[in-house]
Amino acid sequence: MSGSNLLLGFLLFVLGHAFAWFQLNSQFAWSWWKDKPILAVAIYSIPIGLCFWHAARLIFEETGAAWSARFMGFAASYFIFPILTYIFLKESMFTAKTMICILLSLTIILVQVFWK
């Protein structure tokens, strides 16, 4: 494995999850978004879908397994969600439960990258 497809796929999953975070949580961060679900879906759905589609393709090409792409996508969400939630909603990621989940996500990534 060269790793370049894994890295790019992971980064696209992170970007897709960032877009998804804004699509779902802007309503809580800014009052302007509270009554605009159609606008949020219209703005974010295509970038989210394209990021996830290409991320899954790249990781599948690298590993030959849809499960690897699925787990990498799941793990990517646990890296971006706590950061954006802390920055925009002021919810701390430094709780035992969240830190354990982040550690488990890192473990999932390491298993997918290094287990042959």
C-alpha atoms as a PDB file:
ATOM      1  CA  MET A   1       0.000   0.000   0.000  1.00  0.00           C
ATOM      2  CA  SER A   2       1.392   3.367  -1.001  1.00  0.00           C
ATOM      3  CA  GLY A   3      -0.820   5.202   1.441  1.00  0.00           C
ATOM      4  CA  SER A   4      -1.525   8.219  -0.766  1.00  0.00           C
ATOM      5  CA  ASN A   5      -5.045   6.986  -1.597  1.00  0.00           C
ATOM      6  CA  LEU A   6      -5.653   6.237   2.089  1.00  0.00           C
ATOM      7  CA  LEU A   7      -4.535   9.705   3.144  1.00  0.00           C
ATOM      8  CA  LEU A   8      -6.504  11.507   0.434  1.00  0.00           C
ATOM      9  CA  GLY A   9      -9.555   9.331   1.116  1.00  0.00           C
ATOM     10  CA  PHE A  10      -9.338  10.039   4.832  1.00  0.00           C
ATOM     11  CA  LEU A  11      -8.990  13.786   4.192  1.00  0.00           C
ATOM     12  CA  LEU A  12     -12.026  13.711   1.901  1.00  0.00           C
ATOM     13  CA  PHE A  13     -13.981  11.914   4.619  1.00  0.00           C
ATOM     14  CA  VAL A  14     -12.894  14.616   7.101  1.00  0.00           C
ATOM     15  CA  LEU A  15     -14.004  17.349   4.671  1.00  0.00           C
ATOM     16  CA  GLY A  16     -17.316  15.578   4.023  1.00  0.00           C
ATOM     17  CA  HIS A  17     -17.955  15.242   7.749  1.00  0.00           C
ATOM     18  CA  ALA A  18     -17.095  18.916   8.234  1.00  0.00           C
ATOM     19  CA  PHE A  19     -19.696  19.866   5.614  1.00  0.00           C
ATOM     20  CA  ALA A  20     -22.170  17.493   7.296  1.00  0.00           C
ATOM     21  CA  TRP A  21     -21.467  19.126  10.662  1.00  0.00           C
ATOM     22  CA  PHE A  22     -22.364  22.537   9.263  1.00  0.00           C
ATOM     23  CA  GLN A  23     -25.438  21.184   7.485  1.00  0.00           C
ATOM     24  CA  LEU A  24     -26.797  19.664  10.703  1.00  0.00           C
ATOM     25  CA  ASN A  25     -25.481  21.948  13.445  1.00  0.00           C
ATOM     26  CA  SER A  26     -25.522  25.461  11.984  1.00  0.00           C
ATOM     27  CA  GLN A  27     -29.065  25.710  13.359  1.00  0.00           C
ATOM     28  CA  PHE A  28     -27.619  25.465  16.878  1.00  0.00           C
ATOM     29  CA  ALA A  29     -24.620  27.731  16.310  1.00  0.00           C
ATOM     30  CA  TRP A  30     -26.353  30.631  14.564  1.00  0.00           C
ATOM     31  CA  SER A  31     -29.982  31.650  15.002  1.00  0.00           C
ATOM     32  CA  TRP A  32     -30.170  32.724  11.342  1.00  0.00           C
ATOM     33  CA  TRP A  33     -30.061  29.027  10.287  1.00  0.00           C
ATOM     34  CA  LYS A  34     -32.848  27.800  12.614  1.00  0.00           C
ATOM     35  CA  ASP A  35     -35.632  27.956  10.041  1.00  0.00           C
ATOM     36  CA  LYS A  36     -33.656  27.176   6.874  1.00  0.00           C
ATOM     37  CA  PRO A  37     -33.398  23.383   6.544  1.00  0.00           C
ATOM     38  CA  ILE A  38     -33.994  23.411   2.770  1.00  0.00           C
ATOM     39  CA  LEU A  39     -31.201  25.952   2.247  1.00  0.00           C
ATOM     40  CA  ALA A  40     -28.804  23.944   4.408  1.00  0.00           C
ATOM     41  CA  VAL A  41     -29.584  20.774   2.467  1.00  0.00           C
ATOM     42  CA  ALA A  42     -29.297  22.591  -0.882  1.00  0.00           C
ATOM     43  CA  ILE A  43     -25.909  24.088  -0.030  1.00  0.00           C
ATOM     44  CA  TYR A  44     -24.214  21.131   1.620  1.00  0.00           C
ATOM     45  CA  SER A  45     -25.660  17.930   0.136  1.00  0.00           C
ATOM     46  CA  ILE A  46     -23.701  17.856  -3.132  1.00  0.00           C
ATOM     47  CA  PRO A  47     -20.289  18.630  -1.547  1.00  0.00           C
ATOM     48  CA  ILE A  48     -20.954  16.034   1.182  1.00  0.00           C
ATOM     49  CA  GLY A  49     -21.952  13.385  -1.338  1.00  0.00           C
ATOM     50  CA  LEU A  50     -18.979  14.053  -3.617  1.00  0.00           C
ATOM     51  CA  CYS A  51     -16.490  13.977  -0.733  1.00  0.00           C
ATOM     52  CA  PHE A  52     -17.876  10.696   0.607  1.00  0.00           C
ATOM     53  CA  TRP A  53     -18.145   9.094  -2.839  1.00  0.00           C
ATOM     54  CA  HIS A  54     -14.542   9.886  -3.791  1.00  0.00           C
ATOM     55  CA  ALA A  55     -13.223   9.023  -0.330  1.00  0.00           C
ATOM     56  CA  ALA A  56     -14.852   5.595  -0.454  1.00  0.00           C
ATOM     57  CA  ARG A  57     -13.531   5.009  -3.994  1.00  0.00           C
ATOM     58  CA  LEU A  58      -9.957   5.939  -3.083  1.00  0.00           C
ATOM     59  CA  ILE A  59      -9.866   3.819   0.048  1.00  0.00           C
ATOM     60  CA  PHE A  60     -11.508   0.871  -1.703  1.00  0.00           C
ATOM     61  CA  GLU A  61      -8.947   1.118  -4.534  1.00  0.00           C
ATOM     62  CA  GLU A  62      -6.146   1.073  -1.982  1.00  0.00           C
ATOM     63  CA  THR A  63      -7.442  -1.707   0.263  1.00  0.00           C
ATOM     64  CA  GLY A  64      -9.879  -3.672  -1.904  1.00  0.00           C
ATOM     65  CA  ALA A  65     -12.415  -3.651   0.935  1.00  0.00           C
ATOM     66  CA  ALA A  66     -15.597  -1.630   1.372  1.00  0.00           C
ATOM     67  CA  TRP A  67     -15.334  -2.268   5.112  1.00  0.00           C
ATOM     68  CA  SER A  68     -12.052  -0.368   5.243  1.00  0.00           C
ATOM     69  CA  ALA A  69     -13.690   2.656   3.644  1.00  0.00           C
ATOM     70  CA  ARG A  70     -16.632   2.410   6.037  1.00  0.00           C
ATOM     71  CA  PHE A  71     -14.455   2.282   9.135  1.00  0.00           C
ATOM     72  CA  MET A  72     -12.142   5.051   7.907  1.00  0.00           C
ATOM     73  CA  GLY A  73     -15.199   7.247   7.278  1.00  0.00           C
ATOM     74  CA  PHE A  74     -16.537   6.526  10.744  1.00  0.00           C
ATOM     75  CA  ALA A  75     -13.203   7.285  12.347  1.00  0.00           C
ATOM     76  CA  ALA A  76     -12.824  10.525  10.373  1.00  0.00           C
ATOM     77  CA  SER A  77     -16.096  11.759  11.851  1.00  0.00           C
ATOM     78  CA  TYR A  78     -14.706  11.418  15.355  1.00  0.00           C
ATOM     79  CA  PHE A  79     -11.786  13.653  14.506  1.00  0.00           C
ATOM     80  CA  ILE A  80     -13.724  16.549  12.994  1.00  0.00           C
ATOM     81  CA  PHE A  81     -16.934  16.515  15.051  1.00  0.00           C
ATOM     82  CA  PRO A  82     -15.323  17.229  18.461  1.00  0.00           C
ATOM     83  CA  ILE A  83     -13.229  20.056  17.029  1.00  0.00           C
ATOM     84  CA  LEU A  84     -16.095  21.828  15.277  1.00  0.00           C
ATOM     85  CA  THR A  85     -18.450  21.247  18.210  1.00  0.00           C
ATOM     86  CA  TYR A  86     -15.925  22.795  20.586  1.00  0.00           C
ATOM     87  CA  ILE A  87     -15.207  25.787  18.344  1.00  0.00           C
ATOM     88  CA  PHE A  88     -18.775  26.660  17.378  1.00  0.00           C
ATOM     89  CA  LEU A  89     -20.972  25.237  20.155  1.00  0.00           C
ATOM     90  CA  LYS A  90     -18.488  25.515  23.047  1.00  0.00           C
ATOM     91  CA  GLU A  91     -19.026  21.885  24.032  1.00  0.00           C
ATOM     92  CA  SER A  92     -15.827  20.403  25.370  1.00  0.00           C
ATOM     93  CA  MET A  93     -14.355  17.319  23.788  1.00  0.00           C
ATOM     94  CA  PHE A  94     -12.260  16.762  26.905  1.00  0.00           C
ATOM     95  CA  THR A  95     -14.596  14.393  28.671  1.00  0.00           C
ATOM     96  CA  ALA A  96     -13.686  10.806  29.406  1.00  0.00           C
ATOM     97  CA  LYS A  97     -16.377   9.462  27.071  1.00  0.00           C
ATOM     98  CA  THR A  98     -15.360  11.651  24.118  1.00  0.00           C
ATOM     99  CA  MET A  99     -11.634  11.067  24.579  1.00  0.00           C
ATOM    100  CA  ILE A 100     -12.162   7.290  24.674  1.00  0.00           C
ATOM    101  CA  CYS A 101     -14.201   7.498  21.465  1.00  0.00           C
ATOM    102  CA  ILE A 102     -11.451   9.510  19.780  1.00  0.00           C
ATOM    103  CA  LEU A 103      -8.865   6.968  20.937  1.00  0.00           C
ATOM    104  CA  LEU A 104     -11.011   4.121  19.598  1.00  0.00           C
ATOM    105  CA  SER A 105     -11.356   5.953  16.272  1.00  0.00           C
ATOM    106  CA  LEU A 106      -7.589   6.309  16.049  1.00  0.00           C
ATOM    107  CA  THR A 107      -7.284   2.603  16.796  1.00  0.00           C
ATOM    108  CA  ILE A 108      -9.726   1.804  13.968  1.00  0.00           C
ATOM    109  CA  ILE A 109      -7.643   3.861  11.543  1.00  0.00           C
ATOM    110  CA  LEU A 110      -4.425   2.170  12.635  1.00  0.00           C
ATOM    111  CA  VAL A 111      -5.964  -1.294  12.238  1.00  0.00           C
ATOM    112  CA  GLN A 112      -7.204  -0.439   8.729  1.00  0.00           C
ATOM    113  CA  VAL A 113      -3.852   1.028   7.658  1.00  0.00           C
ATOM    114  CA  PHE A 114      -1.412  -1.425   9.205  1.00  0.00           C
ATOM    115  CA  TRP A 115      -3.211  -4.790   9.490  1.00  0.00           C
ATOM    116  CA  LYS A 116      -2.478  -6.780   6.332  1.00  0.00           C
END
